[in-house]
Protein backbone atom coordinates (compact mmCIF):
# COMPACT_ATOMS: atom_id res chain seq x y z
CA MET A 1 -108.16 -22.77 -67.55
CA ALA A 2 -106.48 -25.88 -66.23
CA ALA A 3 -103.04 -27.10 -65.33
CA THR A 4 -101.31 -29.57 -67.63
CA LEU A 5 -100.40 -32.94 -66.09
CA THR A 6 -97.47 -34.62 -67.87
CA TYR A 7 -96.76 -38.16 -66.73
CA ASP A 8 -93.25 -39.59 -66.96
CA SER A 9 -94.00 -42.56 -69.21
CA THR A 10 -90.63 -42.94 -70.87
CA GLY A 11 -88.96 -45.02 -68.18
CA PRO A 12 -89.46 -48.34 -66.46
CA GLY A 13 -93.01 -48.96 -65.34
CA GLU A 14 -94.53 -46.59 -67.92
CA ALA A 15 -96.02 -44.02 -65.55
CA GLY A 16 -96.04 -46.44 -62.65
CA ARG A 17 -98.47 -48.89 -64.13
CA HIS A 18 -96.38 -51.81 -62.88
CA ALA A 19 -95.42 -52.62 -59.32
CA MET A 20 -92.09 -51.28 -58.10
CA PHE A 21 -91.66 -53.47 -55.05
CA ALA A 22 -93.70 -55.43 -52.52
CA ALA A 23 -94.69 -53.76 -49.29
CA ALA A 24 -94.37 -55.41 -45.92
CA VAL A 25 -98.15 -55.89 -45.92
CA GLY A 26 -97.88 -58.01 -49.07
CA ARG A 27 -99.40 -55.47 -51.44
CA PRO A 28 -97.19 -54.28 -54.32
CA LEU A 29 -96.28 -50.59 -54.27
CA GLN A 30 -95.74 -48.29 -57.21
CA ALA A 31 -94.57 -44.76 -57.87
CA VAL A 32 -95.92 -42.35 -60.46
CA ALA A 33 -93.86 -39.31 -61.46
CA LEU A 34 -95.39 -36.31 -63.21
CA ALA A 35 -95.03 -32.60 -63.75
CA VAL A 36 -97.88 -30.13 -63.29
CA THR A 37 -97.56 -26.95 -65.34
CA GLY A 38 -99.62 -23.93 -64.30
CA ASP A 39 -101.67 -21.75 -66.63
CA THR A 40 -102.43 -18.06 -67.11
CA SER A 41 -105.30 -17.99 -64.60
CA TYR A 42 -104.77 -19.79 -61.28
CA PRO A 43 -108.13 -21.18 -60.07
CA THR A 44 -109.53 -20.49 -56.61
CA GLY A 45 -108.91 -23.57 -54.48
CA GLY A 46 -106.11 -24.94 -56.64
CA TYR A 47 -105.65 -27.25 -59.61
CA ASP A 48 -107.60 -30.49 -59.99
CA ILE A 49 -105.18 -33.42 -59.83
CA SER A 50 -107.79 -36.14 -59.25
CA ASP A 51 -106.43 -38.04 -62.25
CA VAL A 52 -103.40 -39.01 -60.13
CA TRP A 53 -105.65 -41.03 -57.79
CA LYS A 54 -106.83 -43.11 -60.78
CA LYS A 55 -103.32 -44.52 -61.22
CA PHE A 56 -103.62 -46.55 -58.02
CA ALA A 57 -105.68 -49.50 -56.84
CA THR A 58 -108.59 -48.99 -54.50
CA ALA A 59 -109.80 -51.15 -51.65
CA GLY A 60 -113.51 -50.51 -51.32
CA ALA A 61 -113.93 -46.78 -50.80
CA ALA A 62 -110.29 -46.26 -49.75
CA SER A 63 -107.79 -44.91 -52.26
CA GLY A 64 -104.60 -46.81 -53.01
CA LEU A 65 -102.72 -43.50 -53.10
CA LEU A 66 -100.62 -43.17 -49.96
CA HIS A 67 -98.62 -39.97 -50.35
CA LEU A 68 -97.69 -37.20 -52.78
CA LEU A 69 -94.31 -35.46 -52.71
CA ALA A 70 -94.34 -32.07 -54.42
CA HIS A 71 -91.71 -29.48 -55.32
CA ASP A 72 -91.91 -26.22 -57.30
CA ARG A 73 -88.96 -26.37 -59.73
CA GLY A 74 -88.48 -22.62 -59.67
CA GLY A 75 -88.91 -22.30 -55.92
CA ALA A 76 -91.36 -19.40 -56.24
CA HIS A 77 -94.23 -21.14 -54.41
CA ILE A 78 -94.92 -23.40 -51.50
CA VAL A 79 -96.88 -26.40 -52.77
CA ALA A 80 -99.75 -27.82 -50.71
CA ILE A 81 -101.77 -30.93 -51.54
CA ASP A 82 -105.45 -31.00 -50.59
CA TYR A 83 -106.03 -34.76 -50.27
CA VAL A 84 -109.76 -34.40 -49.55
CA ASN A 85 -110.57 -32.37 -52.68
CA LYS A 86 -107.69 -33.79 -54.75
CA LYS A 87 -106.20 -30.39 -55.53
CA LEU A 88 -102.71 -28.94 -55.85
CA LYS A 89 -102.49 -25.51 -54.25
CA LEU A 90 -99.81 -22.89 -54.77
CA MET A 91 -99.00 -20.73 -51.78
CA SER A 92 -97.23 -17.38 -51.90
CA ALA A 93 -96.46 -17.66 -48.16
CA PRO A 94 -97.34 -20.20 -45.47
CA GLY A 95 -101.15 -20.27 -45.22
CA THR A 96 -101.63 -17.77 -48.07
CA GLU A 97 -102.88 -19.19 -51.36
CA VAL A 98 -101.96 -17.51 -54.64
CA VAL A 99 -104.67 -15.02 -55.66
CA ALA A 100 -107.21 -16.32 -58.21
CA ALA A 101 -106.53 -15.42 -61.86
CA THR A 102 -102.77 -14.99 -61.23
CA ASN A 103 -100.58 -16.00 -64.18
CA VAL A 104 -98.55 -19.02 -63.03
CA SER A 105 -97.82 -20.37 -66.52
CA THR A 106 -94.06 -20.50 -65.82
CA THR A 107 -94.59 -22.62 -62.69
CA VAL A 108 -93.82 -26.33 -62.95
CA VAL A 109 -94.42 -28.59 -59.96
CA ASP A 110 -92.81 -32.04 -59.89
CA LEU A 111 -94.94 -34.68 -58.17
CA LEU A 112 -94.03 -38.15 -57.02
CA ALA A 113 -97.07 -40.19 -56.03
CA LEU A 114 -96.67 -43.36 -53.97
CA GLY A 115 -99.33 -45.99 -53.46
CA TYR A 116 -100.60 -49.52 -54.00
CA ALA A 117 -100.31 -50.98 -57.50
CA GLY A 118 -103.49 -51.50 -59.46
């Protein structure tokens, strides 16, 4: 199973595809808002959210994604982002990941990704 990523494409910037503002370093910045909805079988290691990285420019091997802000709408889980493996992890307590195969289909995590415009 996999989480569902729903991008906010109804507002200005259509899912952050256009620059929001210019950074002090002269590179335009953008924001991408999306919701991640869990499924009936939470995967070990978390949900793949690598698609979010594709929304931002890259400079050589470096990603244009700078930071992800995450919040569980229902407040049932602590949300952790694994930047190395590009995963969203749900925690039942600090340092304790949700057990694999747990039904988290009612969990919706709002994400706001900030980075350099492509």
